[in-house]
Amino acid sequence: MTSPVAEPLSVGSRPSNPAQTPRQASNRSHAVESTIMLGVNFLLGGMAIAGLAQLVPQSLSDHAKLQSLDTEVKQTKQRVHDLQATYKLNADPKQFQRIAQEEGNLIATNQRRIVWLKPANPPAQKAKTP
């Protein structure tokens, strides 16, 4: 029996069998791995952009609401300041009697109420004679 003798390969020639060499298989697996990594990274990037596209309008809306609330807070602080000033004026014991008279139509014991009425029939005026 004769053993089959393999022909020597020349530089740059391909092997005659269709099976891949280990180096080619390794290169192919690296290419597939890189392609999958790129696909996953593009998917993650797309999801990040979609998330930002939803967050930016919400952020702008929240910013507008915050400005509105800041304006309301400033107005409320001014109102509180005005009310505190009014309270200090009204809480003064020296002014209590005057405020009670104004608000409750009260009069002091040493005063009398005067009511002016319009007469029902005005008096006839005398004619002037020259």
Protein backbone atom coordinates (compact mmCIF):
# COMPACT_ATOMS: atom_id res chain seq x y z
CA MET A 1 0.00 0.00 0.00
CA THR A 2 1.13 3.31 -0.81
CA SER A 3 0.53 6.26 1.43
CA PRO A 4 -0.84 9.36 -0.08
CA VAL A 5 1.74 12.06 -0.19
CA ALA A 6 0.63 15.58 0.25
CA GLU A 7 1.86 18.03 -2.22
CA PRO A 8 3.95 20.81 -0.79
CA LEU A 9 2.23 24.17 -0.59
CA SER A 10 3.72 27.15 -2.20
CA VAL A 11 3.69 30.55 -0.53
CA GLY A 12 0.36 32.30 -1.00
CA SER A 13 -1.51 29.28 -2.25
CA ARG A 14 -4.67 27.97 -0.63
CA PRO A 15 -5.04 24.53 0.77
CA SER A 16 -6.97 22.18 -1.40
CA ASN A 17 -9.46 21.22 1.32
CA PRO A 18 -12.44 23.49 1.89
CA ALA A 19 -11.97 23.59 5.69
CA GLN A 20 -10.79 26.92 7.12
CA THR A 21 -7.49 27.30 8.80
CA PRO A 22 -7.51 28.21 12.51
CA ARG A 23 -6.26 31.70 11.74
CA GLN A 24 -9.10 32.39 9.31
CA ALA A 25 -11.64 31.08 11.82
CA SER A 26 -10.18 33.36 14.48
CA ASN A 27 -10.35 36.38 12.17
CA ARG A 28 -13.92 35.55 11.27
CA SER A 29 -14.95 35.23 14.93
CA HIS A 30 -13.32 38.60 15.68
CA ALA A 31 -15.22 40.17 12.78
CA VAL A 32 -18.55 38.73 14.00
CA GLU A 33 -17.81 39.84 17.56
CA SER A 34 -16.92 43.37 16.38
CA THR A 35 -20.07 43.55 14.26
CA ILE A 36 -22.23 42.48 17.20
CA MET A 37 -20.52 45.00 19.49
CA LEU A 38 -21.08 47.79 16.96
CA GLY A 39 -24.74 46.81 16.61
CA VAL A 40 -25.26 46.81 20.38
CA ASN A 41 -23.47 50.15 20.72
CA PHE A 42 -25.61 51.71 17.97
CA LEU A 43 -28.72 50.33 19.69
CA LEU A 44 -27.64 51.80 23.04
CA GLY A 45 -26.79 55.13 21.39
CA GLY A 46 -30.21 55.23 19.72
CA MET A 47 -31.91 54.51 23.02
CA ALA A 48 -29.89 57.26 24.71
CA ILE A 49 -30.87 59.77 22.00
CA ALA A 50 -34.53 58.72 22.28
CA GLY A 51 -34.36 59.18 26.06
CA LEU A 52 -32.85 62.64 25.67
CA ALA A 53 -35.50 63.54 23.10
CA GLN A 54 -38.13 62.82 25.76
CA LEU A 55 -36.27 64.50 28.62
CA VAL A 56 -35.47 67.82 26.93
CA PRO A 57 -39.10 68.96 26.42
CA GLN A 58 -39.99 67.80 29.94
CA SER A 59 -37.02 69.72 31.32
CA LEU A 60 -38.09 72.87 29.47
CA SER A 61 -41.63 72.48 30.78
CA ASP A 62 -40.36 72.00 34.34
CA HIS A 63 -38.16 75.09 33.96
CA ALA A 64 -41.17 77.18 32.88
CA LYS A 65 -43.20 75.87 35.85
CA LEU A 66 -40.32 76.73 38.18
CA GLN A 67 -40.20 80.29 36.87
CA SER A 68 -43.95 80.60 37.37
CA LEU A 69 -43.65 79.34 40.93
CA ASP A 70 -40.77 81.74 41.61
CA THR A 71 -42.96 84.62 40.45
CA GLU A 72 -45.79 83.47 42.71
CA VAL A 73 -43.40 83.16 45.66
CA LYS A 74 -42.17 86.73 45.12
CA GLN A 75 -45.75 88.02 44.96
CA THR A 76 -46.70 86.09 48.09
CA LYS A 77 -43.65 87.40 49.96
CA GLN A 78 -44.63 90.95 49.03
CA ARG A 79 -48.20 90.33 50.18
CA VAL A 80 -46.98 88.87 53.48
CA HIS A 81 -44.74 91.90 53.98
CA ASP A 82 -47.67 94.25 53.35
CA LEU A 83 -49.93 92.30 55.72
CA GLN A 84 -47.27 92.30 58.42
CA ALA A 85 -46.92 96.06 58.11
CA THR A 86 -50.72 96.45 58.37
CA TYR A 87 -50.80 94.12 61.37
CA LYS A 88 -48.10 96.08 63.16
CA LEU A 89 -50.07 99.27 62.59
CA ASN A 90 -53.35 97.72 63.75
CA ALA A 91 -51.83 95.95 66.74
CA ASP A 92 -50.51 99.19 68.21
CA PRO A 93 -52.33 99.69 71.54
CA LYS A 94 -52.16 103.45 71.13
CA GLN A 95 -54.16 103.21 67.93
CA PHE A 96 -56.70 100.68 69.24
CA GLN A 97 -59.44 103.20 70.03
CA ARG A 98 -59.15 104.93 66.66
CA ILE A 99 -59.24 101.59 64.80
CA ALA A 100 -62.21 100.37 66.84
CA GLN A 101 -64.12 103.55 65.94
CA GLU A 102 -63.30 103.19 62.25
CA GLU A 103 -64.04 99.50 61.95
CA GLY A 104 -66.98 99.07 64.31
CA ASN A 105 -68.65 102.47 64.12
CA LEU A 106 -68.06 102.82 67.84
CA ILE A 107 -67.98 106.15 69.56
CA ALA A 108 -66.41 107.18 72.81
CA THR A 109 -68.59 107.87 75.82
CA ASN A 110 -67.78 111.57 75.76
CA GLN A 111 -68.90 111.95 72.12
CA ARG A 112 -72.30 112.10 70.41
CA ARG A 113 -73.29 110.88 67.01
CA ILE A 114 -74.55 113.52 64.62
CA VAL A 115 -76.64 112.52 61.62
CA TRP A 116 -77.33 115.05 58.89
CA LEU A 117 -80.64 114.65 57.08
CA LYS A 118 -81.86 116.29 53.92
CA PRO A 119 -85.16 118.06 54.43
CA ALA A 120 -88.11 116.53 52.58
CA ASN A 121 -89.52 119.90 51.50
CA PRO A 122 -86.91 122.52 50.96
CA PRO A 123 -87.93 125.89 52.38
CA ALA A 124 -89.16 128.34 49.81
CA GLN A 125 -86.77 131.14 49.23
CA LYS A 126 -87.98 134.61 49.59
CA ALA A 127 -88.03 136.60 46.49
CA LYS A 128 -85.71 139.52 46.60
CA THR A 129 -87.35 142.81 46.03
CA PRO A 130 -85.24 145.65 44.83
